[in-house]
Amino acid sequence: MKILIPVDGSKTAGEAVKYAIQLARALAEPPSLTLLHADMPLMRRVAAELGTEGTRKYHEGNHEYALKGARTALRRAKLAFSEKAVVDDAAPAIIKAAQAGKYELVVMGSQGRTALGTVFLGSVAQKVLSQSKVPVLVVR
């Protein structure tokens, strides 16, 4: 089974990783796990101010922050995994990655670091649920 786990460093992303670990342990064969972090593109003006190298370092720092906790949890669980880091809006990036990679399941948190006032379900999770052709498991 191929499982995509989008992460952003939030508490609910961490809960999704924990759930994916439990699921992986329950399966008869070890699944193929992939962590995905999608970092929002910078506004052109900001990117121009930072320059190419500054923009690259900015995104690398965000990717590292988002992936670090998930990476640690999967290593502690002794599960093999791969990582993908992209610069794109989160929902479209998750949907594209899930379809292009032929994943069988997306396991994601209900709200990320940018959930501003969405009470029950973050906007990224809502978009992925409504637009993904791949089954999505949302963890609170």
Protein backbone atom coordinates (compact mmCIF):
# COMPACT_ATOMS: atom_id res chain seq x y z
CA MET A 1 0.00 0.00 0.00
CA LYS A 2 1.25 3.48 -0.88
CA ILE A 3 0.44 6.14 1.73
CA LEU A 4 1.05 9.88 1.32
CA ILE A 5 1.40 11.87 4.55
CA PRO A 6 1.29 15.65 4.05
CA VAL A 7 2.96 17.50 6.93
CA ASP A 8 3.44 21.12 7.91
CA GLY A 9 4.90 20.89 11.41
CA SER A 10 1.50 21.36 13.09
CA LYS A 11 0.12 19.33 15.98
CA THR A 12 -2.54 17.70 13.81
CA ALA A 13 0.07 16.76 11.19
CA GLY A 14 1.95 15.05 14.02
CA GLU A 15 -1.22 13.19 14.97
CA ALA A 16 -1.63 12.10 11.34
CA VAL A 17 1.92 10.72 11.37
CA LYS A 18 1.17 8.80 14.59
CA TYR A 19 -1.95 7.34 12.99
CA ALA A 20 -0.03 6.40 9.84
CA ILE A 21 2.51 4.59 12.03
CA GLN A 22 -0.28 2.61 13.73
CA LEU A 23 -1.79 1.81 10.35
CA ALA A 24 1.58 0.71 8.95
CA ARG A 25 2.11 -1.65 11.88
CA ALA A 26 -1.36 -3.16 11.41
CA LEU A 27 -0.85 -3.98 7.74
CA ALA A 28 0.36 -7.44 6.72
CA GLU A 29 3.06 -5.94 4.48
CA PRO A 30 4.99 -2.75 5.22
CA PRO A 31 3.49 0.13 3.25
CA SER A 32 5.37 2.62 1.11
CA LEU A 33 5.22 5.84 3.16
CA THR A 34 5.96 9.28 1.75
CA LEU A 35 6.08 12.53 3.69
CA LEU A 36 5.10 15.60 1.68
CA HIS A 37 5.61 19.23 2.57
CA ALA A 38 4.22 21.94 0.30
CA ASP A 39 5.55 25.40 1.08
CA MET A 40 3.56 28.38 -0.14
CA PRO A 41 5.33 30.32 -2.89
CA LEU A 42 6.59 33.72 -1.83
CA MET A 43 5.05 36.82 -3.31
CA ARG A 44 7.11 37.99 -6.29
CA ARG A 45 8.18 41.15 -4.54
CA VAL A 46 9.48 39.25 -1.50
CA ALA A 47 11.20 36.63 -3.67
CA ALA A 48 12.86 39.40 -5.71
CA GLU A 49 14.08 41.05 -2.52
CA LEU A 50 15.51 37.79 -1.17
CA GLY A 51 17.01 36.75 -4.49
CA THR A 52 17.30 33.21 -5.80
CA GLU A 53 19.62 31.96 -3.06
CA GLY A 54 17.66 33.64 -0.26
CA THR A 55 14.39 32.23 -1.57
CA ARG A 56 15.90 28.74 -1.81
CA LYS A 57 17.18 28.95 1.79
CA TYR A 58 13.82 30.25 2.99
CA HIS A 59 11.96 27.29 1.48
CA GLU A 60 14.59 24.78 2.66
CA GLY A 61 14.19 26.07 6.22
CA ASN A 62 10.41 25.72 6.04
CA HIS A 63 10.69 22.22 4.58
CA GLU A 64 13.10 21.18 7.34
CA TYR A 65 10.80 22.57 10.06
CA ALA A 66 7.76 20.80 8.62
CA LEU A 67 9.45 17.43 8.03
CA LYS A 68 11.65 17.18 11.13
CA GLY A 69 9.11 15.85 13.65
CA ALA A 70 7.52 13.42 11.19
CA ARG A 71 10.93 12.16 10.10
CA THR A 72 11.92 11.55 13.73
CA ALA A 73 8.67 9.70 14.52
CA LEU A 74 8.99 7.39 11.50
CA ARG A 75 12.64 6.65 12.25
CA ARG A 76 11.79 5.82 15.88
CA ALA A 77 9.09 3.48 14.60
CA LYS A 78 11.73 1.88 12.35
CA LEU A 79 9.60 2.46 9.25
CA ALA A 80 11.09 3.15 5.84
CA PHE A 81 9.85 6.32 4.16
CA SER A 82 10.65 8.85 1.50
CA GLU A 83 10.24 12.61 1.47
CA LYS A 84 9.01 15.14 -1.05
CA ALA A 85 9.24 18.89 -0.67
CA VAL A 86 7.59 21.23 -3.15
CA VAL A 87 6.90 24.94 -3.45
CA ASP A 88 3.19 25.17 -4.20
CA ASP A 89 -0.13 25.80 -2.50
CA ALA A 90 -0.79 22.89 -0.15
CA ALA A 91 -4.11 21.49 -1.39
CA PRO A 92 -3.24 21.37 -5.11
CA ALA A 93 0.21 19.98 -4.28
CA ILE A 94 -1.28 17.18 -2.17
CA ILE A 95 -3.88 16.31 -4.80
CA LYS A 96 -1.30 16.32 -7.62
CA ALA A 97 1.21 14.24 -5.64
CA ALA A 98 -1.43 11.70 -4.60
CA GLN A 99 -2.58 11.15 -8.17
CA ALA A 100 0.81 11.34 -9.91
CA GLY A 101 2.41 8.99 -7.37
CA LYS A 102 -0.50 6.54 -7.56
CA TYR A 103 -0.97 6.62 -3.79
CA GLU A 104 -3.76 4.51 -2.36
CA LEU A 105 -4.37 6.67 0.71
CA VAL A 106 -3.65 10.17 1.99
CA VAL A 107 -3.38 10.50 5.78
CA MET A 108 -3.44 14.13 6.86
CA GLY A 109 -4.22 16.39 9.80
CA SER A 110 -7.53 18.19 10.03
CA GLN A 111 -5.94 21.62 10.48
CA GLY A 112 -2.50 22.91 9.72
CA ARG A 113 -0.43 25.78 10.99
CA THR A 114 -2.43 28.22 8.88
CA ALA A 115 -5.94 27.20 10.01
CA LEU A 116 -7.34 30.64 10.81
CA GLY A 117 -10.79 30.34 12.29
CA THR A 118 -11.99 27.24 10.48
CA VAL A 119 -13.69 25.52 13.38
CA PHE A 120 -13.88 21.83 12.48
CA LEU A 121 -11.82 21.30 9.37
CA GLY A 122 -9.04 23.38 7.87
CA SER A 123 -9.39 24.74 4.36
CA VAL A 124 -6.57 22.55 2.99
CA ALA A 125 -8.19 19.38 4.36
CA GLN A 126 -11.57 20.50 2.98
CA LYS A 127 -10.13 21.08 -0.49
CA VAL A 128 -8.26 17.78 -0.52
CA LEU A 129 -11.35 15.88 0.67
CA SER A 130 -13.58 17.45 -1.95
CA GLN A 131 -11.18 17.25 -4.91
CA SER A 132 -8.99 14.17 -4.39
CA LYS A 133 -9.65 11.03 -6.37
CA VAL A 134 -7.52 9.17 -3.81
CA PRO A 135 -9.13 8.17 -0.47
CA VAL A 136 -8.29 10.65 2.31
CA LEU A 137 -8.14 9.90 6.03
CA VAL A 138 -8.32 13.09 8.11
CA VAL A 139 -6.92 12.90 11.64
CA ARG A 140 -7.84 15.34 14.44
